[in-house]
Amino acid sequence: MENVILFLFLCTIVSCKQEALEFESLVQFSRIDTMSDNGKPYFYKTHVFIVQNYSDNYQNERTVDSFAYKNRAKDLTKYAEYKIVIYKHSDKTNIPNLKKNPRDFDDYTFDNDMIYIYT
């Protein structure tokens, strides 16, 4: 009986172990837009990231929240709107593929791999 409990305990520990999340800035889709209203400019910034080793769980949610908070723009008051958008890494949502096939971003990534938007 002790062997069964030890085995289950070890299985639980091994199954809980997860690789650390890795974030990459997706510069080619990050942007600053400017709109004018009665001659006054308004700036809208979007910063895009890809996260590797992501799975949907509470620990990862907290890690992503912390990352977004720590990586927000230092000059937030400059923008009428500021967004951080995070996509999960996949066979199509990765920097080498999106550099070769930028249309995959609109055709696949936006609909299938977006996991968080912070505004």
C-alpha atoms as a PDB file:
ATOM      1  CA  MET A   1       0.000   0.000   0.000  1.00  0.00           C
ATOM      2  CA  GLU A   2       2.836   2.405   0.824  1.00  0.00           C
ATOM      3  CA  ASN A   3       4.331   1.801  -2.624  1.00  0.00           C
ATOM      4  CA  VAL A   4       1.051   2.755  -4.299  1.00  0.00           C
ATOM      5  CA  ILE A   5       0.829   5.996  -2.310  1.00  0.00           C
ATOM      6  CA  LEU A   6       4.456   6.827  -3.076  1.00  0.00           C
ATOM      7  CA  PHE A   7       3.879   6.096  -6.756  1.00  0.00           C
ATOM      8  CA  LEU A   8       0.801   8.358  -6.869  1.00  0.00           C
ATOM      9  CA  PHE A   9       2.670  11.098  -5.042  1.00  0.00           C
ATOM     10  CA  LEU A  10       5.567  10.966  -7.513  1.00  0.00           C
ATOM     11  CA  CYS A  11       3.171  10.958 -10.482  1.00  0.00           C
ATOM     12  CA  THR A  12       1.483  14.061  -9.100  1.00  0.00           C
ATOM     13  CA  ILE A  13       4.776  15.886  -8.678  1.00  0.00           C
ATOM     14  CA  VAL A  14       5.962  14.973 -12.186  1.00  0.00           C
ATOM     15  CA  SER A  15       2.646  15.978 -13.784  1.00  0.00           C
ATOM     16  CA  CYS A  16       2.673  19.363 -11.988  1.00  0.00           C
ATOM     17  CA  LYS A  17       6.124  20.267 -13.213  1.00  0.00           C
ATOM     18  CA  GLN A  18       5.886  22.732 -16.071  1.00  0.00           C
ATOM     19  CA  GLU A  19       8.438  24.572 -18.126  1.00  0.00           C
ATOM     20  CA  ALA A  20       8.728  28.284 -17.431  1.00  0.00           C
ATOM     21  CA  LEU A  21       6.829  30.647 -19.708  1.00  0.00           C
ATOM     22  CA  GLU A  22       8.974  32.470 -22.251  1.00  0.00           C
ATOM     23  CA  PHE A  23       7.823  35.761 -23.754  1.00  0.00           C
ATOM     24  CA  GLU A  24       8.967  37.195 -27.082  1.00  0.00           C
ATOM     25  CA  SER A  25       8.069  40.616 -28.406  1.00  0.00           C
ATOM     26  CA  LEU A  26       6.383  40.424 -31.800  1.00  0.00           C
ATOM     27  CA  VAL A  27       7.725  43.735 -33.062  1.00  0.00           C
ATOM     28  CA  GLN A  28       6.345  43.473 -36.597  1.00  0.00           C
ATOM     29  CA  PHE A  29       2.751  43.627 -35.297  1.00  0.00           C
ATOM     30  CA  SER A  30       3.308  46.091 -32.452  1.00  0.00           C
ATOM     31  CA  ARG A  31       2.421  49.649 -33.448  1.00  0.00           C
ATOM     32  CA  ILE A  32       1.587  53.201 -32.508  1.00  0.00           C
ATOM     33  CA  ASP A  33      -1.367  54.779 -34.317  1.00  0.00           C
ATOM     34  CA  THR A  34      -2.154  58.485 -34.297  1.00  0.00           C
ATOM     35  CA  MET A  35      -5.590  60.055 -34.703  1.00  0.00           C
ATOM     36  CA  SER A  36      -6.405  63.727 -34.681  1.00  0.00           C
ATOM     37  CA  ASP A  37      -9.511  65.334 -33.215  1.00  0.00           C
ATOM     38  CA  ASN A  38      -9.894  69.093 -33.755  1.00  0.00           C
ATOM     39  CA  GLY A  39      -6.163  69.340 -34.370  1.00  0.00           C
ATOM     40  CA  LYS A  40      -5.213  67.501 -31.173  1.00  0.00           C
ATOM     41  CA  PRO A  41      -3.290  64.233 -31.735  1.00  0.00           C
ATOM     42  CA  TYR A  42      -4.232  61.077 -29.830  1.00  0.00           C
ATOM     43  CA  PHE A  43      -1.855  58.132 -29.673  1.00  0.00           C
ATOM     44  CA  TYR A  44      -2.895  54.470 -29.531  1.00  0.00           C
ATOM     45  CA  LYS A  45      -0.206  51.891 -28.828  1.00  0.00           C
ATOM     46  CA  THR A  46      -0.374  48.104 -29.122  1.00  0.00           C
ATOM     47  CA  HIS A  47       2.474  45.915 -27.922  1.00  0.00           C
ATOM     48  CA  VAL A  48       2.269  42.268 -29.038  1.00  0.00           C
ATOM     49  CA  PHE A  49       3.945  39.251 -27.407  1.00  0.00           C
ATOM     50  CA  ILE A  50       4.103  35.504 -28.016  1.00  0.00           C
ATOM     51  CA  VAL A  51       4.337  33.210 -24.982  1.00  0.00           C
ATOM     52  CA  GLN A  52       5.885  29.750 -25.185  1.00  0.00           C
ATOM     53  CA  ASN A  53       5.059  26.792 -22.915  1.00  0.00           C
ATOM     54  CA  TYR A  54       1.599  28.195 -22.146  1.00  0.00           C
ATOM     55  CA  SER A  55      -1.228  26.055 -20.842  1.00  0.00           C
ATOM     56  CA  ASP A  56      -4.457  27.333 -19.385  1.00  0.00           C
ATOM     57  CA  ASN A  57      -4.084  27.224 -15.599  1.00  0.00           C
ATOM     58  CA  TYR A  58      -4.081  29.566 -12.627  1.00  0.00           C
ATOM     59  CA  GLN A  59      -0.295  29.642 -12.256  1.00  0.00           C
ATOM     60  CA  ASN A  60       0.200  30.701 -15.880  1.00  0.00           C
ATOM     61  CA  GLU A  61      -2.577  33.281 -15.609  1.00  0.00           C
ATOM     62  CA  ARG A  62      -0.758  34.893 -12.684  1.00  0.00           C
ATOM     63  CA  THR A  63       2.578  34.760 -14.538  1.00  0.00           C
ATOM     64  CA  VAL A  64       1.084  36.433 -17.618  1.00  0.00           C
ATOM     65  CA  ASP A  65      -0.625  39.099 -15.477  1.00  0.00           C
ATOM     66  CA  SER A  66       2.663  39.842 -13.739  1.00  0.00           C
ATOM     67  CA  PHE A  67       4.517  39.997 -17.060  1.00  0.00           C
ATOM     68  CA  ALA A  68       1.978  42.434 -18.538  1.00  0.00           C
ATOM     69  CA  TYR A  69       2.169  44.670 -15.484  1.00  0.00           C
ATOM     70  CA  LYS A  70       5.973  44.730 -15.449  1.00  0.00           C
ATOM     71  CA  ASN A  71       6.226  45.351 -19.208  1.00  0.00           C
ATOM     72  CA  ARG A  72       3.636  48.079 -19.624  1.00  0.00           C
ATOM     73  CA  ALA A  73       4.716  51.335 -21.227  1.00  0.00           C
ATOM     74  CA  LYS A  74       6.574  53.642 -18.895  1.00  0.00           C
ATOM     75  CA  ASP A  75       4.840  56.640 -20.480  1.00  0.00           C
ATOM     76  CA  LEU A  76       1.217  55.447 -20.177  1.00  0.00           C
ATOM     77  CA  THR A  77      -0.186  58.960 -19.851  1.00  0.00           C
ATOM     78  CA  LYS A  78       0.990  59.715 -23.402  1.00  0.00           C
ATOM     79  CA  TYR A  79      -1.569  57.307 -24.903  1.00  0.00           C
ATOM     80  CA  ALA A  80      -5.317  57.600 -25.278  1.00  0.00           C
ATOM     81  CA  GLU A  81      -5.281  53.800 -25.320  1.00  0.00           C
ATOM     82  CA  TYR A  82      -2.536  51.300 -24.620  1.00  0.00           C
ATOM     83  CA  LYS A  83      -2.830  47.539 -25.163  1.00  0.00           C
ATOM     84  CA  ILE A  84      -0.701  44.511 -24.520  1.00  0.00           C
ATOM     85  CA  VAL A  85      -1.867  41.543 -26.587  1.00  0.00           C
ATOM     86  CA  ILE A  86      -0.504  38.080 -25.857  1.00  0.00           C
ATOM     87  CA  TYR A  87      -0.679  35.081 -28.181  1.00  0.00           C
ATOM     88  CA  LYS A  88       0.311  31.518 -27.412  1.00  0.00           C
ATOM     89  CA  HIS A  89       3.154  30.007 -29.415  1.00  0.00           C
ATOM     90  CA  SER A  90       2.114  27.487 -32.077  1.00  0.00           C
ATOM     91  CA  ASP A  91       3.299  26.105 -35.389  1.00  0.00           C
ATOM     92  CA  LYS A  92       1.939  29.224 -37.140  1.00  0.00           C
ATOM     93  CA  THR A  93       2.272  31.720 -34.295  1.00  0.00           C
ATOM     94  CA  ASN A  94       6.007  32.051 -33.961  1.00  0.00           C
ATOM     95  CA  ILE A  95       8.418  34.738 -35.074  1.00  0.00           C
ATOM     96  CA  PRO A  96      10.174  32.829 -37.901  1.00  0.00           C
ATOM     97  CA  ASN A  97       6.867  31.762 -39.482  1.00  0.00           C
ATOM     98  CA  LEU A  98       5.239  35.191 -39.146  1.00  0.00           C
ATOM     99  CA  LYS A  99       8.281  36.856 -40.732  1.00  0.00           C
ATOM    100  CA  LYS A 100       7.968  34.500 -43.717  1.00  0.00           C
ATOM    101  CA  ASN A 101       4.147  34.442 -43.784  1.00  0.00           C
ATOM    102  CA  PRO A 102       2.773  37.662 -42.235  1.00  0.00           C
ATOM    103  CA  ARG A 103      -0.723  36.890 -43.550  1.00  0.00           C
ATOM    104  CA  ASP A 104      -0.887  33.991 -41.076  1.00  0.00           C
ATOM    105  CA  PHE A 105      -1.290  36.619 -38.354  1.00  0.00           C
ATOM    106  CA  ASP A 106      -4.703  37.703 -39.681  1.00  0.00           C
ATOM    107  CA  ASP A 107      -5.640  34.354 -41.181  1.00  0.00           C
ATOM    108  CA  TYR A 108      -4.762  32.177 -38.172  1.00  0.00           C
ATOM    109  CA  THR A 109      -3.033  33.746 -35.174  1.00  0.00           C
ATOM    110  CA  PHE A 110      -5.604  36.432 -34.397  1.00  0.00           C
ATOM    111  CA  ASP A 111      -8.477  33.922 -34.298  1.00  0.00           C
ATOM    112  CA  ASN A 112      -6.759  30.852 -32.850  1.00  0.00           C
ATOM    113  CA  ASP A 113      -3.889  31.830 -30.566  1.00  0.00           C
ATOM    114  CA  MET A 114      -4.896  35.081 -28.840  1.00  0.00           C
ATOM    115  CA  ILE A 115      -5.097  34.444 -25.111  1.00  0.00           C
ATOM    116  CA  TYR A 116      -4.985  37.857 -23.384  1.00  0.00           C
ATOM    117  CA  ILE A 117      -5.652  41.510 -24.139  1.00  0.00           C
ATOM    118  CA  TYR A 118      -4.722  44.076 -21.516  1.00  0.00           C
ATOM    119  CA  THR A 119      -6.059  47.591 -22.133  1.00  0.00           C
END
